[in-house]
Amino acid sequence: MSSVTDDRLPRRRTVVREYLGALSDPHTYSLVHNRTALFGFAWGIPVPIFSVGVDLIISGHGSVARSLTEHPFHILFLLHPILFAFVFGAFGTVRRRMDRQIVHLVGELEQTVAGLAQANERLEDLDHLKAQFVANVTHELKTPLVAIRGYNESILDLRFGPLTPKQKGGLEVAVRNIDRLQKLIEELLDFERIEAGALKLELSEFDLVPAVEAALESMRPAIESRKLTAQRQLPASLRVQADRDRIAHVFLNLLSNAVKFTPEGGTIGVDAKEENGRARITVWDHGLGIPAEAQKFLFTRFWQADGGSRRRHGGTGLGLAIVKGILDAHGAPIRILSTPGAGTRAEFELPLAVPVESVKEGMP
């Protein structure tokens, strides 16, 4: 209670100082320029009229001059219009000063907003130039990498002669790193397409189950190296309408995260089923989980749950941003459910493929 009172006192003192300062301003006493003073003067006029009128009725003098002569204090009532004009005029001056301050602040705010708008436009231009630069560089990197990988594979296939075990081992390491570099380049290209709104989907009908199995097979070396158990709960077939390659990319990114953030000996898995006329897919793990305060940053570019932008587990930090962009393009929002120490679940849905029989039945 005392703190509230202490806060109010400075404000009250400020108001009093502003009001007293207004008494020395000529604008306070100008009935022409200060409408509030004129309003106060008009409000003060009824006071002497009422006072003298009551005295005339009570005393029966019948003369204003005689009433004022016998009762001089009535003259004080004549000063009320002037006093009201001073009081209201001071308020008018304070309000005028405040209005000027507001206009000044609004002007400064408009200048700041205009400056921010220009800075934002400049940032957008720079971001566009950055996107073009990244897209051009990554695109130019793809061609030499294809040639490098091709020659390495040819050497590994002994097309240029026999290899020693050490040479073969070195070339295999080189090919794995080339594949990794190509994957990073593809991620950058996909991200820039998503950011630019230029991601194009090639929709087709395909069976989702082989796509899941292919993604798990691609992750098998990483799964085995970490001694993880990969579980799957899949139907015999689940046909969907989507972009096969993009959805394969989604599975690889989600499984990569599951493997990356699950301790050795842990378990990861993929579940898929038909539910409410759609294919419902869940990629899950019993890994580290994500703190609640960090979950709002999950789809932020260059950010990872293990250490923000530091990325202790490697990678570009674009995986989930790309996943979200691809699924958003499919009209399939992704939901991440995570509990620290208990694991993470990534859930999304895809439209089912329309059966041929249904199409025929709908034909005229």
Protein backbone atom coordinates (compact mmCIF):
# COMPACT_ATOMS: atom_id res chain seq x y z
CA MET A 1 0.00 0.00 0.00
CA SER A 2 2.79 2.39 0.87
CA SER A 3 4.53 1.71 -2.43
CA VAL A 4 1.36 2.62 -4.34
CA THR A 5 1.09 5.87 -2.34
CA ASP A 6 4.75 6.63 -3.00
CA ASP A 7 4.19 6.14 -6.72
CA ARG A 8 1.22 8.47 -6.78
CA LEU A 9 2.88 11.33 -4.91
CA PRO A 10 5.43 12.22 -7.64
CA ARG A 11 2.65 12.18 -10.24
CA ARG A 12 0.48 14.50 -8.15
CA ARG A 13 3.41 16.88 -7.57
CA THR A 14 4.11 16.94 -11.29
CA VAL A 15 0.47 17.83 -12.05
CA VAL A 16 0.54 20.63 -9.47
CA ARG A 17 3.80 22.03 -10.91
CA GLU A 18 2.35 21.96 -14.42
CA TYR A 19 -0.80 23.74 -13.26
CA LEU A 20 1.10 26.44 -11.35
CA GLY A 21 3.40 26.91 -14.33
CA ALA A 22 0.35 27.46 -16.53
CA LEU A 23 -0.67 30.48 -14.40
CA SER A 24 2.34 32.38 -15.76
CA ASP A 25 1.43 31.62 -19.38
CA PRO A 26 -0.44 34.47 -21.22
CA HIS A 27 -2.45 31.81 -23.04
CA THR A 28 -4.22 31.03 -19.75
CA TYR A 29 -5.93 34.46 -19.66
CA SER A 30 -6.80 34.78 -23.34
CA LEU A 31 -10.54 34.43 -23.84
CA VAL A 32 -9.94 34.65 -27.58
CA HIS A 33 -7.33 31.89 -28.00
CA ASN A 34 -8.14 29.76 -24.94
CA ARG A 35 -11.64 28.36 -25.33
CA THR A 36 -11.39 26.64 -21.95
CA ALA A 37 -10.93 30.04 -20.24
CA LEU A 38 -13.99 31.36 -22.09
CA PHE A 39 -15.92 28.28 -21.00
CA GLY A 40 -14.86 28.90 -17.38
CA PHE A 41 -15.89 32.55 -17.59
CA ALA A 42 -19.31 31.51 -18.86
CA TRP A 43 -19.66 28.98 -16.07
CA GLY A 44 -18.82 31.66 -13.48
CA ILE A 45 -21.47 34.18 -14.63
CA PRO A 46 -24.48 32.42 -13.01
CA VAL A 47 -22.87 32.61 -9.53
CA PRO A 48 -23.20 36.41 -8.96
CA ILE A 49 -26.54 36.49 -10.75
CA PHE A 50 -27.91 33.78 -8.48
CA SER A 51 -26.42 35.39 -5.33
CA VAL A 52 -27.82 38.86 -6.00
CA GLY A 53 -31.14 37.46 -7.19
CA VAL A 54 -31.64 35.47 -4.00
CA ASP A 55 -30.80 38.55 -1.89
CA LEU A 56 -33.29 40.68 -3.82
CA ILE A 57 -36.04 38.14 -3.31
CA ILE A 58 -35.33 37.71 0.40
CA SER A 59 -34.69 41.38 1.30
CA GLY A 60 -37.22 42.87 -1.11
CA HIS A 61 -34.89 45.75 -1.99
CA GLY A 62 -35.80 45.68 -5.64
CA SER A 63 -32.50 47.32 -6.60
CA VAL A 64 -29.24 45.63 -7.50
CA ALA A 65 -27.22 48.76 -6.59
CA ARG A 66 -28.87 48.96 -3.17
CA SER A 67 -28.25 45.26 -2.57
CA LEU A 68 -24.56 45.63 -3.41
CA THR A 69 -24.31 48.74 -1.19
CA GLU A 70 -25.88 47.10 1.85
CA HIS A 71 -24.14 43.76 1.27
CA PRO A 72 -20.64 44.49 -0.12
CA PHE A 73 -19.66 40.81 0.00
CA HIS A 74 -21.87 40.31 -3.06
CA ILE A 75 -19.19 42.13 -5.02
CA LEU A 76 -16.95 39.13 -4.42
CA PHE A 77 -19.42 37.00 -6.31
CA LEU A 78 -18.87 39.26 -9.30
CA LEU A 79 -15.27 38.00 -9.37
CA HIS A 80 -16.36 34.39 -9.89
CA PRO A 81 -16.42 34.56 -13.71
CA ILE A 82 -12.85 35.87 -13.64
CA LEU A 83 -11.71 33.22 -11.15
CA PHE A 84 -13.42 30.47 -13.16
CA ALA A 85 -11.75 31.80 -16.29
CA PHE A 86 -8.33 31.61 -14.57
CA VAL A 87 -8.90 28.08 -13.24
CA PHE A 88 -10.32 26.67 -16.47
CA GLY A 89 -7.79 28.63 -18.49
CA ALA A 90 -4.91 27.01 -16.58
CA PHE A 91 -6.33 23.58 -17.35
CA GLY A 92 -6.64 24.60 -20.99
CA THR A 93 -2.99 25.68 -21.07
CA VAL A 94 -1.85 22.41 -19.48
CA ARG A 95 -3.88 20.46 -22.01
CA ARG A 96 -2.47 22.58 -24.84
CA ARG A 97 1.08 21.83 -23.70
CA MET A 98 0.28 18.13 -23.42
CA ASP A 99 -1.26 18.12 -26.90
CA ARG A 100 1.90 19.73 -28.27
CA GLN A 101 4.03 17.12 -26.52
CA ILE A 102 1.84 14.36 -27.94
CA VAL A 103 2.09 15.81 -31.45
CA HIS A 104 5.86 16.04 -31.03
CA LEU A 105 6.10 12.45 -29.77
CA VAL A 106 3.82 11.23 -32.57
CA GLY A 107 6.06 13.00 -35.07
CA GLU A 108 9.15 11.35 -33.60
CA LEU A 109 7.36 7.99 -33.59
CA GLU A 110 6.40 8.39 -37.24
CA GLN A 111 10.01 9.21 -38.11
CA THR A 112 11.18 6.15 -36.17
CA VAL A 113 8.60 3.94 -37.89
CA ALA A 114 9.65 5.30 -41.28
CA GLY A 115 13.29 4.62 -40.42
CA LEU A 116 12.44 1.10 -39.29
CA ALA A 117 10.47 0.51 -42.48
CA GLN A 118 13.45 1.59 -44.57
CA ALA A 119 15.77 -0.60 -42.49
CA ASN A 120 13.36 -3.51 -42.88
CA GLU A 121 13.25 -3.04 -46.64
CA ARG A 122 17.04 -2.98 -46.68
CA LEU A 123 17.17 -6.15 -44.59
CA GLU A 124 14.70 -7.83 -46.96
CA ASP A 125 16.87 -6.85 -49.91
CA LEU A 126 19.97 -8.20 -48.16
CA ASP A 127 18.13 -11.38 -47.23
CA HIS A 128 17.05 -11.80 -50.85
CA LEU A 129 20.62 -11.27 -52.04
CA LYS A 130 21.83 -13.77 -49.45
CA ALA A 131 19.27 -16.31 -50.61
CA GLN A 132 20.31 -15.82 -54.23
CA PHE A 133 23.98 -16.13 -53.30
CA VAL A 134 23.43 -19.34 -51.30
CA ALA A 135 21.27 -20.81 -54.05
CA ASN A 136 23.83 -19.98 -56.75
CA VAL A 137 26.80 -21.26 -54.74
CA THR A 138 25.10 -24.49 -53.69
CA HIS A 139 23.88 -25.10 -57.23
CA GLU A 140 27.38 -24.58 -58.62
CA LEU A 141 28.80 -26.95 -56.01
CA LYS A 142 26.53 -29.80 -57.09
CA THR A 143 28.12 -30.29 -60.54
CA PRO A 144 31.74 -30.80 -59.42
CA LEU A 145 30.62 -33.00 -56.53
CA VAL A 146 28.79 -35.31 -58.93
CA ALA A 147 31.95 -35.62 -61.01
CA ILE A 148 34.14 -36.20 -57.92
CA ARG A 149 31.81 -38.87 -56.61
CA GLY A 150 31.60 -40.52 -60.00
CA TYR A 151 35.38 -40.81 -60.34
CA ASN A 152 35.71 -42.10 -56.76
CA GLU A 153 33.13 -44.79 -57.47
CA SER A 154 34.92 -45.72 -60.68
CA ILE A 155 38.18 -46.11 -58.80
CA LEU A 156 36.45 -48.18 -56.12
CA ASP A 157 35.02 -50.40 -58.88
CA LEU A 158 38.64 -51.01 -59.99
CA ARG A 159 38.05 -49.48 -63.42
CA PHE A 160 41.42 -47.77 -63.23
CA GLY A 161 43.34 -50.65 -61.78
CA PRO A 162 43.70 -52.54 -58.48
CA LEU A 163 43.68 -50.84 -55.07
CA THR A 164 45.43 -51.57 -51.84
CA PRO A 165 43.22 -52.03 -48.76
CA LYS A 166 44.33 -48.64 -47.43
CA GLN A 167 43.50 -46.92 -50.72
CA LYS A 168 40.09 -48.55 -50.80
CA GLY A 169 39.39 -47.52 -47.20
CA GLY A 170 40.43 -43.94 -47.91
CA LEU A 171 38.20 -43.73 -50.99
CA GLU A 172 35.22 -45.11 -49.07
CA VAL A 173 35.68 -42.39 -46.44
CA ALA A 174 35.88 -39.81 -49.25
CA VAL A 175 32.63 -41.08 -50.83
CA ARG A 176 30.80 -40.98 -47.48
CA ASN A 177 31.88 -37.39 -46.92
CA ILE A 178 30.91 -36.44 -50.48
CA ASP A 179 27.47 -37.91 -49.81
CA ARG A 180 27.27 -35.92 -46.61
CA LEU A 181 28.26 -32.72 -48.40
CA GLN A 182 25.67 -33.38 -51.13
CA LYS A 183 23.02 -33.85 -48.46
CA LEU A 184 23.93 -30.52 -46.84
CA ILE A 185 23.78 -28.78 -50.21
CA GLU A 186 20.36 -30.28 -50.94
CA GLU A 187 19.13 -29.10 -47.54
CA LEU A 188 20.32 -25.56 -48.24
CA LEU A 189 18.66 -25.58 -51.67
CA ASP A 190 15.41 -26.93 -50.25
CA PHE A 191 15.43 -24.38 -47.45
CA GLU A 192 15.99 -21.48 -49.84
CA ARG A 193 13.14 -22.74 -52.04
CA ILE A 194 10.87 -22.93 -49.01
CA GLU A 195 11.88 -19.45 -47.82
CA ALA A 196 11.27 -18.04 -51.30
CA GLY A 197 7.92 -19.82 -51.59
CA ALA A 198 9.24 -21.62 -54.67
CA LEU A 199 8.97 -25.20 -53.41
CA LYS A 200 7.18 -27.20 -56.10
CA LEU A 201 5.52 -30.51 -55.33
CA GLU A 202 5.19 -33.40 -57.74
CA LEU A 203 2.16 -35.16 -56.35
CA SER A 204 1.56 -38.80 -57.10
CA GLU A 205 -0.05 -41.87 -55.59
CA PHE A 206 2.38 -44.24 -53.88
CA ASP A 207 2.61 -46.75 -51.07
CA LEU A 208 3.94 -45.11 -47.91
CA VAL A 209 5.14 -48.37 -46.32
CA PRO A 210 8.06 -49.01 -48.74
CA ALA A 211 9.04 -45.34 -48.35
CA VAL A 212 9.28 -45.78 -44.57
CA GLU A 213 11.24 -49.01 -44.96
CA ALA A 214 13.64 -47.33 -47.41
CA ALA A 215 14.24 -44.48 -44.97
CA LEU A 216 14.94 -46.92 -42.12
CA GLU A 217 17.32 -48.86 -44.36
CA SER A 218 19.17 -45.63 -45.21
CA MET A 219 19.56 -44.94 -41.51
CA ARG A 220 20.62 -48.52 -40.70
CA PRO A 221 24.41 -47.76 -40.42
CA ALA A 222 23.75 -44.93 -37.95
CA ILE A 223 21.22 -47.04 -36.04
CA GLU A 224 23.64 -49.96 -35.74
CA SER A 225 26.60 -47.77 -34.81
CA ARG A 226 24.62 -46.43 -31.82
CA LYS A 227 23.23 -49.88 -30.97
CA LEU A 228 19.66 -48.63 -31.26
CA THR A 229 16.53 -50.70 -31.71
CA ALA A 230 14.33 -49.57 -34.62
CA GLN A 231 10.69 -50.53 -34.26
CA ARG A 232 7.95 -50.17 -36.84
CA GLN A 233 4.19 -50.56 -36.69
CA LEU A 234 3.01 -50.43 -40.28
CA PRO A 235 0.08 -51.86 -42.25
CA ALA A 236 0.66 -54.11 -45.23
CA SER A 237 -0.01 -51.15 -47.51
CA LEU A 238 -0.94 -47.49 -47.09
CA ARG A 239 -1.34 -45.54 -50.30
CA VAL A 240 -1.16 -41.74 -50.10
CA GLN A 241 -1.29 -38.74 -52.41
CA ALA A 242 1.91 -36.72 -51.92
CA ASP A 243 5.34 -35.88 -53.31
CA ARG A 244 7.27 -39.14 -52.90
CA ASP A 245 10.77 -37.60 -52.84
CA ARG A 246 9.81 -34.79 -50.46
CA ILE A 247 8.11 -37.17 -48.04
CA ALA A 248 11.18 -39.42 -48.18
CA HIS A 249 13.21 -36.33 -47.20
CA VAL A 250 10.82 -35.75 -44.27
CA PHE A 251 11.31 -39.32 -43.03
CA LEU A 252 15.09 -39.08 -43.31
CA ASN A 253 15.25 -35.81 -41.38
CA LEU A 254 12.91 -36.99 -38.62
CA LEU A 255 14.70 -40.33 -38.28
CA SER A 256 18.07 -38.57 -38.29
CA ASN A 257 16.94 -36.44 -35.35
CA ALA A 258 15.59 -39.51 -33.54
CA VAL A 259 18.91 -41.32 -33.96
CA LYS A 260 20.97 -38.26 -33.10
CA PHE A 261 19.21 -37.48 -29.82
CA THR A 262 18.70 -41.03 -28.54
CA PRO A 263 21.41 -42.45 -26.23
CA GLU A 264 23.16 -45.66 -27.23
CA GLY A 265 21.03 -48.73 -26.67
CA GLY A 266 17.80 -46.73 -26.91
CA THR A 267 14.77 -47.23 -29.10
CA ILE A 268 13.32 -45.32 -32.05
CA GLY A 269 10.35 -46.15 -34.22
CA VAL A 270 7.88 -45.28 -36.96
CA ASP A 271 4.13 -45.90 -36.76
CA ALA A 272 1.69 -45.42 -39.62
CA LYS A 273 -2.02 -46.18 -39.90
CA GLU A 274 -5.21 -45.05 -41.55
CA GLU A 275 -7.30 -42.85 -39.29
CA ASN A 276 -10.37 -40.76 -40.14
CA GLY A 277 -9.74 -41.07 -43.86
CA ARG A 278 -6.11 -39.96 -43.68
CA ALA A 279 -2.71 -41.56 -43.20
CA ARG A 280 -1.42 -40.76 -39.70
CA ILE A 281 2.36 -41.05 -39.29
CA THR A 282 4.39 -40.86 -36.09
CA VAL A 283 8.18 -40.88 -35.81
CA TRP A 284 9.19 -41.36 -32.18
CA ASP A 285 12.14 -42.00 -29.92
CA HIS A 286 12.91 -42.67 -26.27
CA GLY A 287 15.71 -40.13 -26.30
CA LEU A 288 16.70 -36.98 -24.47
CA GLY A 289 13.49 -35.07 -25.11
CA ILE A 290 13.17 -31.32 -25.49
CA PRO A 291 12.70 -28.83 -22.61
CA ALA A 292 9.32 -27.07 -22.67
CA GLU A 293 10.92 -23.61 -22.95
CA ALA A 294 12.89 -24.73 -26.02
CA GLN A 295 10.01 -26.29 -27.95
CA LYS A 296 8.85 -22.96 -29.38
CA PHE A 297 12.17 -22.70 -31.27
CA LEU A 298 11.96 -26.16 -32.85
CA PHE A 299 11.24 -24.93 -36.36
CA THR A 300 13.61 -21.96 -36.20
CA ARG A 301 16.36 -22.15 -38.77
CA PHE A 302 19.93 -22.85 -37.60
CA TRP A 303 18.66 -23.90 -34.16
CA GLN A 304 18.94 -27.24 -32.37
CA ALA A 305 17.34 -28.43 -29.18
CA ASP A 306 20.63 -29.57 -27.67
CA GLY A 307 22.31 -26.21 -27.66
CA GLY A 308 20.53 -23.55 -29.67
CA SER A 309 22.76 -22.35 -32.45
CA ARG A 310 25.83 -24.23 -31.13
CA ARG A 311 24.70 -27.60 -32.56
CA ARG A 312 26.81 -29.98 -30.50
CA HIS A 313 25.42 -32.88 -32.52
CA GLY A 314 26.37 -31.41 -35.90
CA GLY A 315 24.17 -30.68 -38.91
CA THR A 316 22.92 -27.46 -40.44
CA GLY A 317 20.13 -26.82 -37.96
CA LEU A 318 17.68 -26.72 -40.89
CA GLY A 319 16.21 -30.23 -40.64
CA LEU A 320 12.96 -29.45 -38.83
CA ALA A 321 12.52 -26.13 -40.67
CA ILE A 322 12.68 -28.05 -43.96
CA VAL A 323 10.33 -30.75 -42.65
CA LYS A 324 7.79 -28.10 -41.65
CA GLY A 325 8.11 -26.33 -45.01
CA ILE A 326 7.55 -29.55 -46.96
CA LEU A 327 4.58 -30.64 -44.86
CA ASP A 328 3.05 -27.14 -44.91
CA ALA A 329 3.22 -27.29 -48.70
CA HIS A 330 1.24 -30.55 -48.47
CA GLY A 331 -1.29 -28.92 -46.15
CA ALA A 332 -0.14 -31.31 -43.41
CA PRO A 333 0.91 -29.48 -40.21
CA ILE A 334 3.41 -31.29 -38.01
CA ARG A 335 3.05 -31.58 -34.25
CA ILE A 336 5.98 -32.22 -31.91
CA LEU A 337 5.25 -33.78 -28.51
CA SER A 338 8.26 -34.06 -26.24
CA THR A 339 9.04 -34.76 -22.60
CA PRO A 340 12.56 -34.21 -21.26
CA GLY A 341 14.16 -37.53 -20.47
CA ALA A 342 11.27 -39.52 -21.97
CA GLY A 343 11.57 -38.88 -25.69
CA THR A 344 9.91 -37.09 -28.60
CA ARG A 345 7.07 -37.81 -31.00
CA ALA A 346 6.64 -36.09 -34.37
CA GLU A 347 3.13 -36.53 -35.78
CA PHE A 348 1.63 -35.52 -39.13
CA GLU A 349 -1.05 -36.69 -41.56
CA LEU A 350 -1.16 -37.16 -45.33
CA PRO A 351 -4.18 -37.53 -47.62
CA LEU A 352 -4.98 -41.04 -48.74
CA ALA A 353 -4.87 -41.90 -52.42
CA VAL A 354 -8.30 -42.11 -53.99
CA PRO A 355 -9.08 -45.76 -54.85
CA VAL A 356 -9.57 -46.48 -58.53
CA GLU A 357 -12.99 -48.02 -57.80
CA SER A 358 -14.13 -44.79 -56.13
CA VAL A 359 -13.04 -42.74 -59.11
CA LYS A 360 -14.95 -45.01 -61.49
CA GLU A 361 -18.04 -44.88 -59.32
CA GLY A 362 -17.95 -41.08 -59.38
CA MET A 363 -17.71 -40.94 -63.20
CA PRO A 364 -20.91 -40.17 -65.12
